[in-house]
C-alpha cells in the first residue's frame, strides 16, 4: 500500500523517523527509476508530511491539503519512511518530470483543477437526492458471489508471497510479475469470453503492470476497472530484508484474480470490465498513475474504479471494512454501500487515508470515479506491512478477505450490465 493517514505515534516520533530516514538513505539511496532519472522528482503529497521532512512546498491545494514539491531521491525515501513509521504507506504520487511543473504553471494549475473538480462532484452528489437505493438484487449475481473460494485466495497469496522480492526497482522486478501473468492466463484459459491478458510497459520503471480485459457486448467503450498493486516493499532499516507482502498486497491481488475467475465464466457483460495488477505503487503510484493518465489522454470512458489494497487483516473485527472517503467518489461509495447491503452485508466504517494512499488516487486525479474499501480503519490495519513479517499467519483471515472478492464480483456484474454512472 502507498498511503497516508491515521497514526497513534507522536509528532516527535515522526520527526525522529524522518531524520533517521534522511541519515540512512543519504548513504544507501538507490535510483527511483533508471540511471537517467532526473535529480529531483515532482510529487503530490499531504502538505504536513512534506513539511515534516523539510521539503519546500511549492504550491498547495487548500481544499484537500495536497502539496506540490520537488523531492530528491533522499527526500522521497524520507517521505516514504515517515509515512511507514506512522503506520501508513508511501503517501505520495510521483508526477512525470517536466520543466513546466512550476508553481502556477498551466500543468500544475490543471493538476489542482482536477482535484477541485472531484471535490465539486462529491459535494453535488451529497447535496442531491441520489442516495436512494440504486441496486436491485439479482439471483445470478448472488450465485456468482457465492462461488468465491477462500482456498483459491489462500493459494494465490501463498504463491505471490513466496516471491520475497516484488520490489518495483529491484534487481529482478519482473520475475514475480511474469509468474503472475502465467497464473492469470491459466485461470481464464477456458473462459468462453476470450479474456485478453497482457503486460503494460511503463516509461519510468522496468516493472510491468498486468491487464486482463473482458470486452463488453453492447457498450464496449464504457469501462469498469478492478485493480490492486502487485509490488511489495520492505522498509526495515536492518535485519531480514525479505518483502513477502502477503497482506500488502498479495491479498488484494488475489481478490482481483478470484473475481476475474468467476466473472470470466458468466455471460458477457454489456460494458467492458478490465482487471489490473499495478506495478510500482510503493514508489509513488507509478504504474497506475501512468495508466490513468494514458486513459485520460485517450478519452477512455471509465465508469468506475475499484481499488483493493490489503484485505487480509480484520483489525476492527471480521466483516468490518473501512471505506476511504477522501480522494474517492461519493457516488461510487454510495453505490458500493448498496451492493454491500444486498450481497456481502459487511459493517462499513468511514475513514480517511490521505493523498496517495493507494492506486485509486491515480484515477481520482484524472476525474474518474474511484472507491477503496479497506481491511479495517487505518487505526486497525495490519502494522506488519512493509516488513519481513507480512506473511500468512494466525491473524490472516481469508473469510474476511473473501468479502472483497464478493464486492468486486457484485460491482462488476451489476455495474457492467447497467446504465448507472456518476452524473
Protein backbone atom coordinates (compact mmCIF):
# COMPACT_ATOMS: atom_id res chain seq x y z
CA UNK A 1 0.00 0.00 0.00
CA UNK A 2 1.20 3.56 -0.61
CA UNK A 3 -0.93 5.55 1.77
CA UNK A 4 -1.11 8.23 4.42
CA UNK A 5 -3.47 8.83 7.31
CA UNK A 6 -4.02 7.68 10.87
CA UNK A 7 -1.32 7.05 13.47
CA UNK A 8 -1.09 6.81 17.25
CA UNK A 9 2.52 7.95 17.28
CA UNK A 10 3.51 11.44 18.34
CA UNK A 11 4.79 14.16 16.06
CA UNK A 12 8.14 13.89 17.81
CA UNK A 13 8.41 10.22 16.86
CA UNK A 14 7.51 11.06 13.28
CA UNK A 15 10.16 13.77 13.09
CA UNK A 16 12.71 11.38 14.57
CA UNK A 17 11.80 8.79 11.98
CA UNK A 18 12.22 11.30 9.19
CA UNK A 19 15.62 12.38 10.47
CA UNK A 20 16.71 8.75 10.78
CA UNK A 21 15.47 8.06 7.28
CA UNK A 22 17.31 11.04 5.86
CA UNK A 23 20.53 9.91 7.52
CA UNK A 24 20.15 6.33 6.35
CA UNK A 25 19.17 6.96 2.75
CA UNK A 26 21.87 9.55 2.24
CA UNK A 27 24.30 6.66 2.40
CA UNK A 28 22.12 3.95 0.91
CA UNK A 29 19.75 5.54 -1.62
CA UNK A 30 19.21 3.81 -4.94
CA UNK A 31 17.78 5.26 -8.13
CA UNK A 32 13.99 5.68 -8.15
CA UNK A 33 13.55 4.59 -11.72
CA UNK A 34 16.51 4.37 -14.07
CA UNK A 35 20.09 5.68 -14.08
CA UNK A 36 18.90 8.57 -16.28
CA UNK A 37 16.23 9.68 -13.79
CA UNK A 38 16.17 13.42 -13.01
CA UNK A 39 17.89 14.71 -9.88
CA UNK A 40 14.52 15.69 -8.45
CA UNK A 41 11.02 14.29 -8.91
CA UNK A 42 7.83 16.38 -8.79
CA UNK A 43 5.37 14.86 -6.33
CA UNK A 44 1.95 15.42 -4.81
CA UNK A 45 1.61 14.59 -1.10
CA UNK A 46 -0.04 15.76 2.10
CA UNK A 47 1.33 19.19 2.97
CA UNK A 48 2.02 18.20 6.57
CA UNK A 49 4.13 15.22 5.53
CA UNK A 50 6.16 17.31 3.11
CA UNK A 51 6.91 19.86 5.80
CA UNK A 52 7.94 17.21 8.32
CA UNK A 53 10.76 16.05 6.05
CA UNK A 54 11.85 19.64 5.44
CA UNK A 55 10.72 19.78 1.82
CA UNK A 56 9.85 23.13 0.26
CA UNK A 57 6.13 23.12 -0.52
CA UNK A 58 5.94 25.00 -3.81
CA UNK A 59 2.15 25.06 -4.12
CA UNK A 60 -0.85 23.93 -2.08
CA UNK A 61 -4.36 22.83 -2.98
CA UNK A 62 -6.20 24.22 0.02
CA UNK A 63 -9.38 22.15 -0.35
CA UNK A 64 -7.56 18.85 0.02
CA UNK A 65 -4.32 19.84 1.79
CA UNK A 66 -2.36 18.35 -1.11
CA UNK A 67 1.01 19.97 -1.66
CA UNK A 68 3.36 20.05 -4.62
CA UNK A 69 7.10 19.73 -4.12
CA UNK A 70 10.22 18.62 -5.97
CA UNK A 71 11.99 15.94 -3.99
CA UNK A 72 15.45 14.45 -4.27
CA UNK A 73 15.78 10.70 -4.04
CA UNK A 74 16.84 11.12 -0.40
CA UNK A 75 13.72 13.16 0.35
CA UNK A 76 11.47 10.63 -1.40
CA UNK A 77 12.92 7.86 0.76
CA UNK A 78 12.45 10.04 3.85
CA UNK A 79 8.83 10.79 2.96
CA UNK A 80 8.12 7.11 2.41
CA UNK A 81 9.86 6.17 5.67
CA UNK A 82 7.99 8.84 7.61
CA UNK A 83 4.63 7.56 6.45
CA UNK A 84 5.54 3.93 7.01
CA UNK A 85 6.81 4.67 10.52
CA UNK A 86 3.41 6.20 11.25
CA UNK A 87 1.66 3.00 10.15
CA UNK A 88 0.97 4.37 6.69
CA UNK A 89 2.40 3.79 3.23
CA UNK A 90 4.36 5.81 0.68
CA UNK A 91 1.90 8.66 0.74
CA UNK A 92 2.75 10.46 -2.49
CA UNK A 93 2.22 10.43 -6.23
CA UNK A 94 5.28 10.87 -8.40
CA UNK A 95 4.43 13.10 -11.37
CA UNK A 96 6.05 12.92 -14.80
CA UNK A 97 9.14 15.11 -14.81
CA UNK A 98 8.57 18.34 -16.69
CA UNK A 99 10.31 21.67 -16.69
CA UNK A 100 6.85 23.24 -16.88
CA UNK A 101 5.86 21.90 -13.45
CA UNK A 102 6.43 25.17 -11.66
CA UNK A 103 4.03 26.94 -9.28
CA UNK A 104 1.14 28.50 -11.23
CA UNK A 105 2.23 26.80 -14.45
CA UNK A 106 -0.57 25.58 -16.76
CA UNK A 107 0.35 21.98 -15.99
CA UNK A 108 0.18 22.37 -12.21
CA UNK A 109 -2.94 24.54 -12.44
CA UNK A 110 -4.56 21.71 -14.37
CA UNK A 111 -3.50 19.15 -11.74
CA UNK A 112 -5.06 21.19 -8.94
CA UNK A 113 -8.11 21.84 -11.12
CA UNK A 114 -8.65 18.08 -11.37
CA UNK A 115 -8.70 17.82 -7.57
CA UNK A 116 -11.18 20.71 -7.33
CA UNK A 117 -13.45 19.11 -9.91
CA UNK A 118 -13.64 15.88 -7.90
CA UNK A 119 -14.44 17.78 -4.69
CA UNK A 120 -17.21 19.67 -6.52
CA UNK A 121 -18.76 16.46 -7.88
CA UNK A 122 -18.75 14.94 -4.41
CA UNK A 123 -20.48 17.97 -2.90
CA UNK A 124 -23.08 17.99 -5.65
CA UNK A 125 -23.86 14.33 -5.06
CA UNK A 126 -24.01 14.69 -1.29
CA UNK A 127 -26.40 17.63 -1.65
CA UNK A 128 -28.67 15.76 -4.07
CA UNK A 129 -31.29 13.09 -3.52
CA UNK A 130 -29.24 10.39 -5.26
CA UNK A 131 -28.59 8.46 -2.05
CA UNK A 132 -31.71 6.40 -2.78
CA UNK A 133 -31.18 2.70 -3.49
CA UNK A 134 -29.56 2.19 -6.88
CA UNK A 135 -29.32 -1.60 -6.95
CA UNK A 136 -31.88 -4.40 -7.28
CA UNK A 137 -30.97 -7.96 -6.18
CA UNK A 138 -30.20 -10.41 -8.98
CA UNK A 139 -30.09 -14.16 -8.41
CA UNK A 140 -27.36 -14.70 -11.00
CA UNK A 141 -25.10 -12.21 -9.20
CA UNK A 142 -25.75 -13.86 -5.85
CA UNK A 143 -24.82 -17.24 -7.34
CA UNK A 144 -21.55 -15.80 -8.68
CA UNK A 145 -20.77 -14.14 -5.34
CA UNK A 146 -21.36 -17.43 -3.51
CA UNK A 147 -18.75 -19.12 -5.73
CA UNK A 148 -15.82 -17.23 -4.13
CA UNK A 149 -13.28 -19.72 -2.78
CA UNK A 150 -11.24 -18.96 0.34
CA UNK A 151 -8.90 -21.79 -0.69
CA UNK A 152 -8.21 -20.04 -4.01
CA UNK A 153 -7.44 -16.79 -2.22
CA UNK A 154 -5.06 -18.53 0.17
CA UNK A 155 -3.30 -20.32 -2.69
CA UNK A 156 -2.71 -17.09 -4.61
CA UNK A 157 -1.45 -15.24 -1.54
CA UNK A 158 0.91 -18.14 -0.81
CA UNK A 159 2.07 -18.09 -4.42
CA UNK A 160 2.75 -14.35 -4.55
CA UNK A 161 4.31 -14.07 -1.09
CA UNK A 162 6.71 -16.90 -1.96
CA UNK A 163 8.48 -14.27 -4.08
CA UNK A 164 10.33 -12.45 -1.34
CA UNK A 165 11.21 -9.53 -3.60
CA UNK A 166 8.48 -7.97 -5.69
CA UNK A 167 10.12 -4.56 -5.40
CA UNK A 168 9.50 -2.34 -8.42
CA UNK A 169 13.11 -1.13 -8.59
CA UNK A 170 14.85 -4.35 -7.52
CA UNK A 171 17.38 -6.34 -9.45
CA UNK A 172 14.70 -8.58 -11.00
CA UNK A 173 11.47 -6.57 -10.79
CA UNK A 174 9.52 -8.79 -13.21
CA UNK A 175 10.28 -12.31 -12.00
CA UNK A 176 7.12 -12.47 -9.91
CA UNK A 177 5.19 -10.44 -12.49
CA UNK A 178 5.94 -12.98 -15.23
CA UNK A 179 4.79 -15.80 -12.96
CA UNK A 180 1.61 -13.94 -12.02
CA UNK A 181 0.72 -13.32 -15.66
CA UNK A 182 1.10 -17.05 -16.35
CA UNK A 183 -1.18 -17.79 -13.38
CA UNK A 184 -3.80 -15.34 -14.68
CA UNK A 185 -3.67 -16.88 -18.16
CA UNK A 186 -4.11 -20.35 -16.68
CA UNK A 187 -7.11 -19.12 -14.69
CA UNK A 188 -9.01 -17.80 -17.72
CA UNK A 189 -7.88 -20.26 -20.42
CA UNK A 190 -11.27 -21.99 -20.52
CA UNK A 191 -13.36 -18.83 -20.41
CA UNK A 192 -15.96 -18.56 -23.19
CA UNK A 193 -15.44 -14.78 -23.23
CA UNK A 194 -11.99 -14.67 -24.79
CA UNK A 195 -10.22 -12.81 -21.99
CA UNK A 196 -7.12 -10.94 -23.15
CA UNK A 197 -4.18 -10.84 -20.72
CA UNK A 198 -1.24 -8.56 -21.44
CA UNK A 199 1.65 -6.67 -19.91
CA UNK A 200 1.55 -2.88 -19.62
CA UNK A 201 5.02 -1.41 -20.02
CA UNK A 202 5.95 1.81 -18.23
CA UNK A 203 8.23 4.67 -19.20
CA UNK A 204 9.84 5.31 -15.80
CA UNK A 205 10.27 1.84 -14.30
CA UNK A 206 11.19 -1.60 -15.56
CA UNK A 207 8.49 -3.40 -13.60
CA UNK A 208 5.38 -4.13 -15.68
CA UNK A 209 1.71 -3.94 -14.81
CA UNK A 210 -0.73 -6.62 -15.99
CA UNK A 211 -4.14 -6.02 -17.57
CA UNK A 212 -6.88 -8.57 -18.25
CA UNK A 213 -9.83 -7.46 -20.36
CA UNK A 214 -13.35 -8.77 -20.97
CA UNK A 215 -14.87 -6.94 -23.94
CA UNK A 216 -18.37 -5.58 -23.43
CA UNK A 217 -21.16 -6.83 -25.67
CA UNK A 218 -23.16 -3.67 -26.41
CA UNK A 219 -21.22 -0.77 -24.84
CA UNK A 220 -17.58 -1.86 -25.01
CA UNK A 221 -16.31 1.72 -24.81
CA UNK A 222 -17.70 2.04 -21.27
CA UNK A 223 -15.18 0.51 -18.86
CA UNK A 224 -15.41 -0.77 -15.29
CA UNK A 225 -11.96 -1.15 -13.69
CA UNK A 226 -10.97 -3.55 -10.88
CA UNK A 227 -7.41 -3.28 -9.58
CA UNK A 228 -4.73 -3.77 -6.95
CA UNK A 229 -0.95 -3.40 -6.90
CA UNK A 230 1.39 -6.36 -7.31
CA UNK A 231 4.64 -4.91 -5.91
CA UNK A 232 5.89 -5.20 -2.34
CA UNK A 233 8.49 -3.40 -0.25
CA UNK A 234 10.49 -3.80 2.96
CA UNK A 235 11.05 -0.56 4.86
CA UNK A 236 13.03 -2.07 7.76
CA UNK A 237 16.41 -0.43 8.22
CA UNK A 238 18.14 -3.61 9.33
CA UNK A 239 17.58 -7.34 9.76
CA UNK A 240 15.52 -9.51 7.45
CA UNK A 241 15.05 -7.67 4.14
CA UNK A 242 12.55 -10.06 2.57
CA UNK A 243 9.38 -8.38 1.24
CA UNK A 244 6.77 -11.16 1.01
CA UNK A 245 3.87 -8.68 1.10
CA UNK A 246 1.17 -11.25 1.90
CA UNK A 247 -1.33 -8.62 3.04
CA UNK A 248 0.25 -5.71 1.15
CA UNK A 249 -0.72 -6.56 -1.47
CA UNK A 250 -0.86 -10.21 -2.40
CA UNK A 251 -4.26 -10.16 -0.69
CA UNK A 252 -5.83 -7.52 -2.95
CA UNK A 253 -4.15 -9.09 -5.98
CA UNK A 254 -5.68 -12.46 -5.09
CA UNK A 255 -9.11 -10.85 -4.67
CA UNK A 256 -8.89 -9.42 -8.18
CA UNK A 257 -7.81 -12.77 -9.65
CA UNK A 258 -10.63 -14.65 -7.91
CA UNK A 259 -13.12 -12.06 -9.18
CA UNK A 260 -11.75 -12.48 -12.70
CA UNK A 261 -12.02 -16.29 -12.45
CA UNK A 262 -15.71 -16.13 -11.64
CA UNK A 263 -16.66 -13.21 -13.91
CA UNK A 264 -14.91 -14.86 -16.87
CA UNK A 265 -17.39 -17.76 -16.64
CA UNK A 266 -20.51 -15.55 -16.66
CA UNK A 267 -22.48 -14.15 -19.57
CA UNK A 268 -20.64 -11.41 -21.42
CA UNK A 269 -21.29 -8.04 -19.71
CA UNK A 270 -22.66 -5.09 -21.65
CA UNK A 271 -19.79 -2.85 -20.53
CA UNK A 272 -16.11 -3.80 -20.76
CA UNK A 273 -14.52 -4.96 -17.50
CA UNK A 274 -10.77 -4.55 -17.02
CA UNK A 275 -8.63 -6.06 -14.27
CA UNK A 276 -5.29 -4.52 -13.29
CA UNK A 277 -2.33 -5.61 -11.23
CA UNK A 278 -0.32 -2.38 -10.97
CA UNK A 279 3.45 -2.01 -10.85
CA UNK A 280 5.35 0.42 -8.65
CA UNK A 281 2.60 1.53 -6.27
CA UNK A 282 5.08 1.64 -3.41
CA UNK A 283 7.26 4.08 -5.34
CA UNK A 284 4.54 6.72 -5.70
CA UNK A 285 1.66 5.09 -7.63
CA UNK A 286 3.96 4.84 -10.63
CA UNK A 287 2.15 2.19 -12.68
CA UNK A 288 -1.43 3.22 -12.05
CA UNK A 289 -0.68 6.93 -12.50
CA UNK A 290 0.75 6.34 -15.95
CA UNK A 291 -2.17 4.08 -16.92
CA UNK A 292 -4.77 6.58 -15.70
CA UNK A 293 -3.00 9.46 -17.48
CA UNK A 294 -2.95 7.45 -20.70
CA UNK A 295 -6.64 6.59 -20.42
CA UNK A 296 -7.49 10.25 -19.85
CA UNK A 297 -5.37 11.37 -22.82
CA UNK A 298 -7.09 8.77 -24.99
CA UNK A 299 -10.51 9.93 -23.68
CA UNK A 300 -11.45 6.47 -22.45
CA UNK A 301 -14.82 6.30 -20.72
CA UNK A 302 -14.07 4.74 -17.33
CA UNK A 303 -17.35 4.48 -15.45
CA UNK A 304 -15.94 3.28 -12.12
CA UNK A 305 -12.71 2.10 -10.49
CA UNK A 306 -12.43 -0.31 -7.56
CA UNK A 307 -9.08 -0.49 -5.71
CA UNK A 308 -8.27 -3.40 -3.39
CA UNK A 309 -5.14 -2.92 -1.29
CA UNK A 310 -4.81 -5.00 1.91
CA UNK A 311 -7.83 -7.17 2.72
CA UNK A 312 -6.48 -9.95 4.93
CA UNK A 313 -6.32 -8.47 8.44
CA UNK A 314 -9.69 -7.84 10.18
CA UNK A 315 -8.31 -5.25 12.58
CA UNK A 316 -11.74 -3.88 13.53
CA UNK A 317 -13.40 -7.28 13.59
CA UNK A 318 -14.31 -9.85 10.98
CA UNK A 319 -16.55 -8.46 8.23
CA UNK A 320 -15.90 -4.84 9.24
CA UNK A 321 -14.28 -2.83 6.45
CA UNK A 322 -13.04 0.71 6.16
CA UNK A 323 -14.34 2.90 3.35
CA UNK A 324 -11.91 5.65 2.40
CA UNK A 325 -13.87 8.87 1.96
CA UNK A 326 -11.03 11.12 0.78
CA UNK A 327 -9.91 11.15 -2.86
CA UNK A 328 -12.77 8.86 -3.80
CA UNK A 329 -16.19 9.33 -5.42
CA UNK A 330 -19.15 9.94 -3.10
CA UNK A 331 -21.45 8.46 -5.75
CA UNK A 332 -19.41 5.28 -6.05
CA UNK A 333 -19.10 4.89 -2.28
CA UNK A 334 -22.89 5.08 -2.06
CA UNK A 335 -23.17 2.52 -4.84
CA UNK A 336 -20.83 0.12 -3.02
CA UNK A 337 -22.88 0.55 0.16
CA UNK A 338 -25.94 -0.53 -1.89
CA UNK A 339 -24.09 -3.55 -3.27
CA UNK A 340 -22.82 -4.47 0.18
CA UNK A 341 -26.31 -4.28 1.66
CA UNK A 342 -27.52 -6.93 -0.79
CA UNK A 343 -24.62 -9.29 -1.38
CA UNK A 344 -21.97 -9.07 1.36
CA UNK A 345 -23.57 -7.34 4.36
CA UNK A 346 -20.32 -6.13 5.87
CA UNK A 347 -20.18 -3.42 8.52
CA UNK A 348 -18.76 -0.33 6.80
CA UNK A 349 -16.87 2.33 8.77
CA UNK A 350 -15.86 5.55 7.02
CA UNK A 351 -12.25 6.66 7.34
CA UNK A 352 -9.59 8.69 5.52
CA UNK A 353 -6.16 7.70 4.27
CA UNK A 354 -4.64 10.91 2.87
CA UNK A 355 -3.33 11.63 -0.60
CA UNK A 356 -1.64 8.83 -2.50
CA UNK A 357 -2.53 6.05 -0.05
CA UNK A 358 -3.17 3.68 -2.95
CA UNK A 359 -3.81 3.49 -6.69
CA UNK A 360 -7.37 4.83 -6.55
CA UNK A 361 -5.76 8.28 -6.17
CA UNK A 362 -4.31 7.99 -9.69
CA UNK A 363 -7.74 7.51 -11.23
CA UNK A 364 -9.39 10.04 -8.92
CA UNK A 365 -6.99 12.76 -10.02
CA UNK A 366 -7.85 12.12 -13.66
CA UNK A 367 -11.53 12.68 -12.88
CA UNK A 368 -12.64 9.04 -12.84
CA UNK A 369 -14.96 7.80 -10.04
CA UNK A 370 -12.91 5.60 -7.72
CA UNK A 371 -13.52 3.77 -4.46
CA UNK A 372 -11.35 1.92 -1.96
CA UNK A 373 -12.80 -0.49 0.61
CA UNK A 374 -10.06 -1.47 3.07
CA UNK A 375 -9.44 -4.33 5.50
CA UNK A 376 -10.19 -2.09 8.53
CA UNK A 377 -9.94 1.50 9.57
CA UNK A 378 -6.41 2.83 9.39
CA UNK A 379 -6.00 2.57 13.16
CA UNK A 380 -6.95 -1.09 12.91
CA UNK A 381 -4.84 -2.01 9.89
CA UNK A 382 -2.07 -4.62 9.77
CA UNK A 383 1.11 -2.95 11.02
CA UNK A 384 3.36 -5.74 9.73
CA UNK A 385 3.16 -4.20 6.27
CA UNK A 386 6.50 -3.40 4.64
CA UNK A 387 8.41 -5.84 6.81
CA UNK A 388 9.50 -9.46 6.53
CA UNK A 389 6.66 -10.27 8.94
CA UNK A 390 3.97 -9.56 6.33
CA UNK A 391 3.23 -13.26 5.82
CA UNK A 392 0.27 -15.57 6.23
CA UNK A 393 -0.07 -16.14 9.97
CA UNK A 394 -2.67 -16.77 12.66
CA UNK A 395 -4.12 -13.28 12.13
CA UNK A 396 -4.72 -13.82 8.40
CA UNK A 397 -8.43 -14.22 7.80
CA UNK A 398 -9.48 -15.49 4.39
CA UNK A 399 -13.19 -15.39 5.25
CA UNK A 400 -12.71 -11.66 5.80
CA UNK A 401 -10.68 -11.29 2.59
CA UNK A 402 -13.27 -13.20 0.56
CA UNK A 403 -15.72 -10.38 1.26
CA UNK A 404 -13.68 -8.09 -1.02
CA UNK A 405 -13.78 -10.51 -3.95
CA UNK A 406 -17.53 -10.75 -3.44
CA UNK A 407 -17.83 -6.95 -3.54
CA UNK A 408 -15.75 -6.84 -6.72
CA UNK A 409 -17.87 -9.51 -8.42
CA UNK A 410 -21.16 -7.91 -7.44
CA UNK A 411 -19.98 -4.48 -8.54
CA UNK A 412 -18.60 -5.70 -11.87
CA UNK A 413 -21.63 -7.81 -12.79
CA UNK A 414 -24.20 -5.23 -11.70
CA UNK A 415 -22.48 -2.08 -12.94
CA UNK A 416 -21.20 -3.91 -16.02
CA UNK A 417 -24.82 -4.51 -17.09
CA UNK A 418 -26.25 -1.18 -16.01
CA UNK A 419 -26.61 2.34 -17.33
CA UNK A 420 -25.77 3.79 -13.92
CA UNK A 421 -22.93 6.28 -13.80
CA UNK A 422 -21.81 9.38 -11.95
CA UNK A 423 -23.59 12.48 -13.16
